Amino acid sequence: MSIEPQLERIIPSAVLLDGIDWIIQGGESGPKKRPFKTFWAHIMKEICAQSGIPYFFKQIDKVQEIPEDLMIRQFPIY
């Protein structure tokens, strides 16, 4: 499942990941990019860890450096 560009917070209790093999998450890039809040990524990272789903954080906005704790590049095993 691709969550990019993520433009608002996702409520953890509303997330159903049945049948999802991989989450890719990131913010929007480009001259009119809208803001991405890194706490959104921390929430999804934790949901994936609890669910045993590989998580890949792609970008904040291609300008801001990704914090070290979000440099996660997990891939599904097929």
N, C-alpha and C. Protein backbone atom coordinates (compact mmCIF):
# COMPACT_ATOMS: atom_id res chain seq x y z
N MET A 1 0.85 -1.16 0.00
CA MET A 1 0.00 0.00 0.00
C MET A 1 0.90 1.23 0.00
N SER A 2 0.61 2.14 -0.87
CA SER A 2 1.36 3.39 -0.95
C SER A 2 0.58 4.50 -0.26
N ILE A 3 1.23 5.14 0.69
CA ILE A 3 0.64 6.29 1.38
C ILE A 3 1.52 7.48 1.04
N GLU A 4 1.38 7.93 -0.19
CA GLU A 4 2.19 9.06 -0.66
C GLU A 4 1.51 9.73 -1.85
N PRO A 5 1.41 11.02 -1.84
CA PRO A 5 1.83 11.84 -0.71
C PRO A 5 0.78 11.79 0.40
N GLN A 6 1.24 11.64 1.62
CA GLN A 6 0.34 11.70 2.76
C GLN A 6 0.14 13.17 3.08
N LEU A 7 -1.13 13.58 3.18
CA LEU A 7 -1.44 14.99 3.36
C LEU A 7 -2.09 15.31 4.70
N GLU A 8 -2.45 14.25 5.45
CA GLU A 8 -3.02 14.48 6.77
C GLU A 8 -2.79 13.25 7.64
N ARG A 9 -3.08 13.41 8.91
CA ARG A 9 -2.87 12.34 9.89
C ARG A 9 -3.81 11.17 9.61
N ILE A 10 -3.31 9.97 9.84
CA ILE A 10 -4.12 8.76 9.76
C ILE A 10 -4.39 8.32 11.20
N ILE A 11 -5.65 8.07 11.50
CA ILE A 11 -6.03 7.62 12.84
C ILE A 11 -5.67 6.14 12.98
N PRO A 12 -4.77 5.78 13.90
CA PRO A 12 -4.32 4.38 14.01
C PRO A 12 -5.46 3.38 14.17
N SER A 13 -6.49 3.72 14.94
CA SER A 13 -7.59 2.78 15.16
C SER A 13 -8.42 2.55 13.90
N ALA A 14 -8.26 3.41 12.90
CA ALA A 14 -9.02 3.28 11.65
C ALA A 14 -8.24 2.52 10.58
N VAL A 15 -7.01 2.10 10.89
CA VAL A 15 -6.16 1.43 9.92
C VAL A 15 -6.41 -0.08 9.94
N LEU A 16 -6.85 -0.62 8.81
CA LEU A 16 -7.04 -2.06 8.65
C LEU A 16 -6.02 -2.54 7.63
N LEU A 17 -5.12 -3.40 8.05
CA LEU A 17 -4.03 -3.81 7.17
C LEU A 17 -4.14 -5.27 6.73
N ASP A 18 -5.30 -5.87 6.88
CA ASP A 18 -5.48 -7.25 6.43
C ASP A 18 -5.16 -7.35 4.94
N GLY A 19 -4.29 -8.29 4.59
CA GLY A 19 -3.94 -8.51 3.19
C GLY A 19 -2.89 -7.55 2.65
N ILE A 20 -2.37 -6.64 3.47
CA ILE A 20 -1.35 -5.69 3.04
C ILE A 20 0.03 -6.31 3.29
N ASP A 21 0.87 -6.34 2.26
CA ASP A 21 2.19 -6.95 2.36
C ASP A 21 3.32 -5.94 2.59
N TRP A 22 3.05 -4.66 2.36
CA TRP A 22 4.12 -3.67 2.40
C TRP A 22 3.50 -2.28 2.47
N ILE A 23 4.10 -1.40 3.24
CA ILE A 23 3.66 0.00 3.32
C ILE A 23 4.82 0.88 2.86
N ILE A 24 4.53 1.76 1.91
CA ILE A 24 5.47 2.80 1.49
C ILE A 24 4.81 4.13 1.83
N GLN A 25 5.53 4.97 2.54
CA GLN A 25 4.97 6.22 3.03
C GLN A 25 5.89 7.38 2.69
N GLY A 26 5.30 8.53 2.42
CA GLY A 26 6.11 9.71 2.18
C GLY A 26 5.28 10.97 1.99
N GLY A 27 5.99 12.07 1.96
CA GLY A 27 5.37 13.36 1.76
C GLY A 27 5.40 13.76 0.30
N GLU A 28 4.90 14.93 0.05
CA GLU A 28 4.78 15.47 -1.31
C GLU A 28 6.02 16.29 -1.66
N SER A 29 6.41 16.26 -2.92
CA SER A 29 7.54 17.07 -3.37
C SER A 29 7.05 18.04 -4.44
N GLY A 30 7.92 18.95 -4.82
CA GLY A 30 7.59 19.92 -5.86
C GLY A 30 7.41 21.31 -5.29
N PRO A 31 7.29 22.30 -6.16
CA PRO A 31 7.25 23.69 -5.71
C PRO A 31 6.02 24.05 -4.87
N LYS A 32 4.92 23.33 -5.03
CA LYS A 32 3.71 23.63 -4.26
C LYS A 32 3.41 22.54 -3.24
N LYS A 33 4.48 21.88 -2.77
CA LYS A 33 4.30 20.77 -1.84
C LYS A 33 3.59 21.23 -0.57
N ARG A 34 2.77 20.32 -0.06
CA ARG A 34 2.09 20.57 1.20
C ARG A 34 2.89 19.89 2.31
N PRO A 35 2.78 20.39 3.53
CA PRO A 35 3.64 19.88 4.61
C PRO A 35 3.35 18.43 4.99
N PHE A 36 4.40 17.74 5.38
CA PHE A 36 4.33 16.39 5.92
C PHE A 36 4.89 16.44 7.34
N LYS A 37 4.16 15.89 8.27
CA LYS A 37 4.59 15.88 9.67
C LYS A 37 5.25 14.54 9.98
N THR A 38 6.48 14.57 10.48
CA THR A 38 7.20 13.31 10.71
C THR A 38 6.53 12.43 11.77
N PHE A 39 5.71 12.99 12.65
CA PHE A 39 5.04 12.14 13.63
C PHE A 39 4.05 11.21 12.94
N TRP A 40 3.57 11.60 11.74
CA TRP A 40 2.71 10.69 10.97
C TRP A 40 3.50 9.43 10.61
N ALA A 41 4.75 9.59 10.25
CA ALA A 41 5.60 8.46 9.89
C ALA A 41 5.90 7.60 11.12
N HIS A 42 6.12 8.22 12.26
CA HIS A 42 6.38 7.44 13.47
C HIS A 42 5.16 6.59 13.84
N ILE A 43 3.97 7.13 13.64
CA ILE A 43 2.75 6.37 13.91
C ILE A 43 2.66 5.16 12.98
N MET A 44 2.85 5.38 11.69
CA MET A 44 2.73 4.28 10.72
C MET A 44 3.85 3.26 10.92
N LYS A 45 5.05 3.73 11.24
CA LYS A 45 6.17 2.82 11.51
C LYS A 45 5.82 1.88 12.65
N GLU A 46 5.21 2.40 13.70
CA GLU A 46 4.82 1.59 14.86
C GLU A 46 3.69 0.62 14.50
N ILE A 47 2.71 1.08 13.74
CA ILE A 47 1.61 0.20 13.30
C ILE A 47 2.18 -0.97 12.51
N CYS A 48 3.10 -0.69 11.60
CA CYS A 48 3.71 -1.74 10.78
C CYS A 48 4.51 -2.71 11.64
N ALA A 49 5.27 -2.19 12.60
CA ALA A 49 6.06 -3.05 13.47
C ALA A 49 5.16 -3.99 14.27
N GLN A 50 4.06 -3.47 14.79
CA GLN A 50 3.12 -4.28 15.57
C GLN A 50 2.42 -5.32 14.70
N SER A 51 2.23 -5.00 13.42
CA SER A 51 1.50 -5.88 12.50
C SER A 51 2.42 -6.81 11.72
N GLY A 52 3.74 -6.63 11.85
CA GLY A 52 4.69 -7.46 11.12
C GLY A 52 4.71 -7.17 9.63
N ILE A 53 4.43 -5.92 9.26
CA ILE A 53 4.40 -5.51 7.85
C ILE A 53 5.65 -4.70 7.55
N PRO A 54 6.39 -5.05 6.49
CA PRO A 54 7.57 -4.26 6.10
C PRO A 54 7.17 -2.81 5.81
N TYR A 55 8.04 -1.90 6.24
CA TYR A 55 7.77 -0.46 6.14
C TYR A 55 8.93 0.22 5.42
N PHE A 56 8.58 1.10 4.49
CA PHE A 56 9.57 1.83 3.70
C PHE A 56 9.20 3.31 3.75
N PHE A 57 10.06 4.12 4.37
CA PHE A 57 9.81 5.57 4.38
C PHE A 57 10.57 6.19 3.23
N LYS A 58 9.85 6.83 2.33
CA LYS A 58 10.43 7.32 1.08
C LYS A 58 11.05 8.71 1.20
N GLN A 59 10.27 9.68 1.68
CA GLN A 59 10.77 11.06 1.73
C GLN A 59 9.85 11.92 2.58
N ILE A 60 10.38 13.05 3.03
CA ILE A 60 9.54 14.07 3.64
C ILE A 60 9.04 14.98 2.53
N ASP A 61 9.97 15.54 1.76
CA ASP A 61 9.59 16.42 0.65
C ASP A 61 10.70 16.57 -0.40
N LYS A 62 11.69 15.72 -0.38
CA LYS A 62 12.87 15.74 -1.25
C LYS A 62 13.82 16.90 -0.94
N VAL A 63 13.49 17.73 0.05
CA VAL A 63 14.37 18.82 0.45
C VAL A 63 14.89 18.54 1.86
N GLN A 64 13.98 18.25 2.77
CA GLN A 64 14.37 17.97 4.15
C GLN A 64 15.02 16.60 4.24
N GLU A 65 16.06 16.53 5.01
CA GLU A 65 16.74 15.26 5.23
C GLU A 65 15.86 14.36 6.10
N ILE A 66 15.86 13.08 5.80
CA ILE A 66 15.08 12.12 6.58
C ILE A 66 15.80 11.89 7.91
N PRO A 67 15.08 12.01 9.03
CA PRO A 67 15.71 11.72 10.31
C PRO A 67 16.19 10.27 10.35
N GLU A 68 17.28 10.03 11.08
CA GLU A 68 17.89 8.70 11.12
C GLU A 68 16.90 7.63 11.56
N ASP A 69 16.03 7.95 12.51
CA ASP A 69 15.09 6.93 13.00
C ASP A 69 13.98 6.61 12.00
N LEU A 70 13.91 7.36 10.90
CA LEU A 70 12.95 7.06 9.83
C LEU A 70 13.62 6.57 8.55
N MET A 71 14.93 6.38 8.59
CA MET A 71 15.63 5.82 7.43
C MET A 71 15.38 4.32 7.38
N ILE A 72 14.16 3.98 7.08
CA ILE A 72 13.74 2.58 7.09
C ILE A 72 13.43 2.16 5.67
N ARG A 73 14.10 1.13 5.22
CA ARG A 73 13.95 0.64 3.85
C ARG A 73 13.72 -0.88 3.90
N GLN A 74 12.60 -1.27 4.47
CA GLN A 74 12.27 -2.69 4.55
C GLN A 74 11.55 -3.12 3.27
N PHE A 75 11.73 -4.37 2.89
CA PHE A 75 11.08 -4.91 1.70
C PHE A 75 10.35 -6.19 2.06
N PRO A 76 9.24 -6.47 1.38
CA PRO A 76 8.54 -7.73 1.63
C PRO A 76 9.37 -8.91 1.11
N ILE A 77 9.16 -10.05 1.73
CA ILE A 77 9.82 -11.28 1.30
C ILE A 77 8.77 -12.12 0.56
N TYR A 78 9.08 -12.45 -0.66
CA TYR A 78 8.15 -13.26 -1.45
C TYR A 78 8.74 -14.61 -1.71
